[in-house]
N, C-alpha and C. Protein backbone atom coordinates (compact mmCIF):
# COMPACT_ATOMS: atom_id res chain seq x y z
N MET A 1 1.16 -1.10 0.06
CA MET A 1 0.11 -0.18 -0.07
C MET A 1 0.55 1.12 0.31
N SER A 2 0.78 2.21 -0.81
CA SER A 2 1.27 3.63 -1.04
C SER A 2 0.90 4.59 0.15
N ALA A 3 2.01 4.89 0.50
CA ALA A 3 1.97 6.05 1.65
C ALA A 3 0.75 6.91 1.44
N SER A 4 0.15 7.11 0.82
CA SER A 4 -0.89 8.17 0.69
C SER A 4 -1.76 7.50 0.65
N ASN A 5 -2.43 5.69 0.03
CA ASN A 5 -3.38 5.12 0.35
C ASN A 5 -3.54 5.00 1.69
N ALA A 6 -2.02 4.92 2.45
CA ALA A 6 -2.32 4.52 3.49
C ALA A 6 -2.58 5.27 4.72
N GLU A 7 -2.39 6.36 4.39
CA GLU A 7 -2.79 7.35 5.02
C GLU A 7 -4.26 7.65 5.05
N LYS A 8 -4.86 7.53 3.46
CA LYS A 8 -6.49 7.39 3.75
C LYS A 8 -7.10 6.89 4.06
N PHE A 9 -6.54 5.25 4.37
CA PHE A 9 -7.03 3.98 4.81
C PHE A 9 -7.19 4.49 6.42
N TYR A 10 -6.01 4.86 7.09
CA TYR A 10 -6.13 4.80 8.37
C TYR A 10 -6.99 6.46 8.91
N ASN A 11 -7.11 7.39 8.11
CA ASN A 11 -7.84 8.69 8.77
C ASN A 11 -9.20 7.93 8.12
N LYS A 12 -9.88 7.22 7.55
CA LYS A 12 -11.13 6.61 7.38
C LYS A 12 -11.60 5.55 8.67
N LEU A 13 -10.10 4.79 8.65
CA LEU A 13 -10.77 4.18 10.29
C LEU A 13 -10.49 4.92 10.83
N ARG A 14 -9.87 5.48 11.61
CA ARG A 14 -10.28 6.52 12.25
C ARG A 14 -11.58 7.42 12.96
N GLU A 15 -12.11 7.70 12.03
CA GLU A 15 -13.19 7.94 11.84
C GLU A 15 -14.42 7.34 12.12
N GLN A 16 -14.11 5.84 11.11
CA GLN A 16 -14.98 5.15 11.75
C GLN A 16 -14.84 4.21 13.11
N LEU A 17 -13.83 4.82 14.16
CA LEU A 17 -13.50 4.15 15.05
C LEU A 17 -14.17 5.00 15.87
N THR A 18 -13.86 6.45 15.80
CA THR A 18 -14.57 6.99 16.30
C THR A 18 -16.09 7.61 16.72
N GLN A 19 -16.62 7.26 15.78
CA GLN A 19 -18.30 7.01 15.60
C GLN A 19 -18.71 5.74 16.31
N THR A 20 -17.85 4.60 16.24
CA THR A 20 -18.70 3.39 16.39
C THR A 20 -18.75 2.97 17.79
N ALA A 21 -17.90 3.62 18.37
CA ALA A 21 -17.14 3.36 19.94
C ALA A 21 -16.27 4.00 20.76
N SER A 22 -17.06 3.82 22.32
CA SER A 22 -16.67 4.82 23.15
C SER A 22 -15.40 4.40 23.82
N TRP A 23 -14.53 5.30 23.86
CA TRP A 23 -13.38 5.00 24.18
C TRP A 23 -12.75 5.21 25.56
N PRO A 24 -11.87 4.28 26.31
CA PRO A 24 -11.10 2.80 25.88
C PRO A 24 -12.34 1.75 25.64
N SER A 25 -11.81 1.34 25.09
CA SER A 25 -12.75 0.39 24.35
C SER A 25 -12.15 -1.35 23.87
N GLU A 26 -12.73 -2.50 23.99
CA GLU A 26 -12.43 -3.45 23.32
C GLU A 26 -11.81 -3.20 21.91
N TYR A 27 -10.76 -3.68 21.56
CA TYR A 27 -10.34 -4.10 19.78
C TYR A 27 -10.45 -5.10 19.51
N LEU A 28 -10.51 -5.83 18.65
CA LEU A 28 -10.06 -7.26 18.00
C LEU A 28 -9.19 -6.63 16.67
N TYR A 29 -7.54 -7.13 16.57
CA TYR A 29 -7.04 -6.88 15.72
C TYR A 29 -7.26 -8.44 15.16
N LYS A 30 -7.30 -8.54 13.67
CA LYS A 30 -6.90 -10.13 12.88
C LYS A 30 -6.04 -9.70 11.75
N PHE A 31 -5.34 -10.54 11.83
CA PHE A 31 -3.71 -10.90 11.02
C PHE A 31 -3.71 -12.09 10.26
N ILE A 32 -3.19 -12.17 8.80
CA ILE A 32 -2.86 -13.22 8.41
C ILE A 32 -1.71 -13.27 7.84
N VAL A 33 -0.85 -14.45 8.38
CA VAL A 33 0.82 -14.57 8.06
C VAL A 33 0.98 -16.00 7.71
N LYS A 34 1.91 -16.00 6.97
CA LYS A 34 2.44 -17.15 6.47
C LYS A 34 2.62 -17.82 7.87
N THR A 35 2.54 -19.19 7.41
CA THR A 35 2.93 -20.44 9.01
C THR A 35 4.53 -20.18 9.32
N ASP A 36 4.78 -19.75 9.96
CA ASP A 36 6.25 -19.63 10.72
C ASP A 36 6.49 -18.93 11.59
N THR A 37 6.67 -20.08 12.48
CA THR A 37 6.81 -19.69 14.04
C THR A 37 7.52 -17.99 13.90
N ASP A 38 8.51 -17.67 13.64
CA ASP A 38 9.30 -16.49 14.00
C ASP A 38 8.58 -15.48 13.85
N LYS A 39 7.39 -15.69 12.50
CA LYS A 39 6.74 -14.47 12.25
C LYS A 39 5.61 -14.34 13.47
N ILE A 40 4.77 -15.60 13.81
CA ILE A 40 4.00 -15.46 14.52
C ILE A 40 4.35 -14.87 16.07
N SER A 41 5.49 -15.29 16.28
CA SER A 41 6.21 -15.30 17.35
C SER A 41 6.53 -13.68 17.78
N LYS A 42 6.56 -13.32 16.12
CA LYS A 42 7.42 -11.51 16.63
C LYS A 42 5.96 -10.61 16.26
N LEU A 43 4.92 -11.03 16.37
CA LEU A 43 3.54 -10.31 16.03
C LEU A 43 2.55 -10.54 17.51
N GLU A 44 3.02 -11.81 18.09
CA GLU A 44 2.58 -11.96 19.05
C GLU A 44 3.09 -11.15 20.15
N GLY A 45 4.42 -11.30 20.22
CA GLY A 45 5.55 -10.40 20.69
C GLY A 45 5.07 -8.78 20.88
N LEU A 46 4.78 -8.54 19.73
CA LEU A 46 4.55 -6.74 19.88
C LEU A 46 2.68 -6.45 20.81
N PHE A 47 2.46 -7.53 21.34
CA PHE A 47 1.15 -7.06 22.12
C PHE A 47 1.46 -7.75 23.48
N ASN A 48 2.95 -8.38 23.68
CA ASN A 48 3.12 -8.57 25.18
C ASN A 48 3.18 -7.97 26.12
N ASN A 49 2.63 -8.28 27.25
CA ASN A 49 2.40 -7.11 28.85
C ASN A 49 1.26 -6.26 28.60
N SER A 50 0.08 -6.70 27.39
CA SER A 50 -0.67 -5.39 27.43
C SER A 50 -2.09 -6.40 27.96
N GLY A 51 -2.28 -7.18 27.93
CA GLY A 51 -3.16 -7.87 28.68
C GLY A 51 -4.32 -8.48 27.09
N ALA A 52 -3.14 -8.30 26.42
CA ALA A 52 -4.49 -9.24 25.36
C ALA A 52 -4.24 -10.87 25.64
N VAL A 53 -5.51 -10.88 24.69
CA VAL A 53 -6.13 -12.15 24.37
C VAL A 53 -5.64 -12.55 23.03
N ILE A 54 -4.89 -13.66 23.12
CA ILE A 54 -4.32 -13.90 21.72
C ILE A 54 -5.14 -15.36 20.93
N THR A 55 -5.29 -15.96 20.11
CA THR A 55 -5.68 -17.15 19.51
C THR A 55 -4.94 -16.87 17.75
N THR A 56 -4.68 -18.39 17.91
CA THR A 56 -4.03 -18.33 16.25
C THR A 56 -5.02 -19.69 15.89
N THR A 57 -5.31 -19.70 14.79
CA THR A 57 -5.57 -20.64 13.80
C THR A 57 -5.20 -20.91 12.12
N GLN A 58 -4.64 -22.25 12.31
CA GLN A 58 -4.24 -22.88 10.38
C GLN A 58 -5.24 -22.39 10.00
N SER A 59 -4.80 -22.38 8.73
CA SER A 59 -5.29 -22.43 7.54
C SER A 59 -5.74 -24.24 7.18
N LYS A 60 -6.64 -24.90 6.37
CA LYS A 60 -7.37 -25.72 6.17
C LYS A 60 -5.62 -26.90 5.51
N ASN A 61 -4.86 -26.21 4.82
CA ASN A 61 -3.71 -27.06 4.38
C ASN A 61 -2.56 -26.00 5.03
N GLY A 62 -2.41 -25.63 6.07
CA GLY A 62 -1.35 -25.11 7.27
C GLY A 62 -0.49 -24.25 6.51
N LYS A 63 -0.78 -23.70 5.53
CA LYS A 63 -0.18 -22.68 4.52
C LYS A 63 -0.01 -21.33 5.81
N TYR A 64 -1.25 -21.13 6.01
CA TYR A 64 -1.50 -19.97 6.64
C TYR A 64 -1.71 -19.75 8.03
N THR A 65 -1.80 -18.71 8.80
CA THR A 65 -2.07 -19.21 10.21
C THR A 65 -2.59 -17.54 10.53
N SER A 66 -3.95 -17.25 11.13
CA SER A 66 -4.86 -16.24 11.59
C SER A 66 -4.54 -16.19 12.95
N VAL A 67 -4.16 -14.71 12.98
CA VAL A 67 -4.06 -14.31 14.55
C VAL A 67 -5.05 -13.17 14.99
N SER A 68 -5.69 -13.88 16.08
CA SER A 68 -6.90 -12.68 16.45
C SER A 68 -6.31 -12.69 17.99
N ILE A 69 -6.53 -10.95 17.96
CA ILE A 69 -5.99 -9.94 19.34
C ILE A 69 -6.96 -9.58 19.53
N ASN A 70 -7.13 -9.63 20.88
CA ASN A 70 -8.67 -8.80 21.39
C ASN A 70 -7.54 -8.24 22.78
N LEU A 71 -7.82 -6.94 22.41
CA LEU A 71 -7.20 -5.82 23.86
C LEU A 71 -8.30 -4.88 24.00
N VAL A 72 -7.87 -4.01 25.21
CA VAL A 72 -8.26 -3.05 25.29
C VAL A 72 -7.53 -1.92 24.73
N MET A 73 -7.82 -0.95 23.88
CA MET A 73 -7.31 0.32 23.59
C MET A 73 -8.05 1.36 23.81
N LYS A 74 -6.85 2.73 24.00
CA LYS A 74 -7.05 3.58 24.73
C LYS A 74 -8.42 4.78 23.35
N ASP A 75 -7.54 4.72 22.38
CA ASP A 75 -8.34 5.54 21.72
C ASP A 75 -8.39 5.20 19.94
N PRO A 76 -9.13 5.49 19.14
CA PRO A 76 -8.43 5.49 18.05
C PRO A 76 -7.21 5.74 17.38
N ASP A 77 -6.66 6.29 17.88
CA ASP A 77 -5.11 6.65 17.81
C ASP A 77 -3.76 5.39 18.13
N ALA A 78 -4.78 5.27 19.11
CA ALA A 78 -3.92 3.67 19.56
C ALA A 78 -3.69 2.57 18.78
N VAL A 79 -4.91 2.12 18.59
CA VAL A 79 -5.23 1.34 17.63
C VAL A 79 -4.80 1.36 15.91
N ILE A 80 -4.46 2.92 15.66
CA ILE A 80 -3.84 2.92 14.49
C ILE A 80 -2.63 2.77 14.51
N ASP A 81 -1.86 3.33 15.60
CA ASP A 81 -0.59 3.25 15.81
C ASP A 81 0.25 1.85 16.07
N LYS A 82 -0.95 0.83 16.44
CA LYS A 82 -0.22 -0.53 16.72
C LYS A 82 -0.27 -1.07 15.18
N TYR A 83 -1.58 -1.32 14.41
CA TYR A 83 -1.73 -1.85 13.39
C TYR A 83 -0.03 -0.93 12.45
N ILE A 84 0.31 0.30 12.65
CA ILE A 84 1.44 0.85 11.68
C ILE A 84 2.79 -0.27 12.80
N GLU A 85 2.51 -0.20 13.86
CA GLU A 85 4.07 -0.78 14.34
C GLU A 85 4.01 -2.32 13.70
N VAL A 86 2.76 -2.69 13.21
CA VAL A 86 2.65 -4.50 13.31
C VAL A 86 3.75 -4.67 11.76
N THR A 87 2.65 -3.87 10.68
CA THR A 87 3.32 -3.82 9.42
C THR A 87 4.62 -3.47 9.38
N ASP A 88 4.89 -2.13 10.07
CA ASP A 88 6.39 -1.94 9.98
C ASP A 88 7.59 -3.14 10.78
N ASN A 89 6.87 -4.42 11.65
CA ASN A 89 7.84 -5.03 12.02
C ASN A 89 7.94 -6.73 11.63
N VAL A 90 6.62 -6.83 10.93
CA VAL A 90 6.60 -7.85 10.75
C VAL A 90 6.08 -7.86 8.99
N ASP A 91 7.34 -8.73 8.64
CA ASP A 91 7.07 -9.09 6.96
C ASP A 91 6.08 -9.89 6.67
N GLY A 92 5.36 -8.95 5.33
CA GLY A 92 4.29 -10.07 4.47
C GLY A 92 3.23 -10.43 5.59
N VAL A 93 2.48 -9.70 6.65
CA VAL A 93 1.29 -9.32 7.14
C VAL A 93 0.18 -8.79 6.54
N ILE A 94 -0.87 -9.80 7.21
CA ILE A 94 -1.82 -9.00 6.06
C ILE A 94 -3.12 -8.64 7.12
N SER A 95 -3.41 -7.13 7.28
CA SER A 95 -4.25 -6.85 8.33
C SER A 95 -5.91 -6.75 7.67
N LEU A 96 -6.37 -7.62 8.84
CA LEU A 96 -8.13 -7.77 8.29
C LEU A 96 -8.74 -6.70 8.80
């Protein structure tokens, strides 16, 4: 995603989060990564010590792993900052 597309995406997400929840609020992150223990560990590590509930599910053929992370975030900007942190630190991650 180009920088301008990312900015548009995050601005739209910020607006939606502001309108649909009162903050602080629980937020569910969903990511898809190739099944690679290093990538999954790195992704989970970004949420360590935050009170996150993390669940992983492998695809039927085992090639990909879905990682769901549920935690309380203080505001929409904190949600977006965490998305940016994940995409900056975990190669090939797909945010849903």
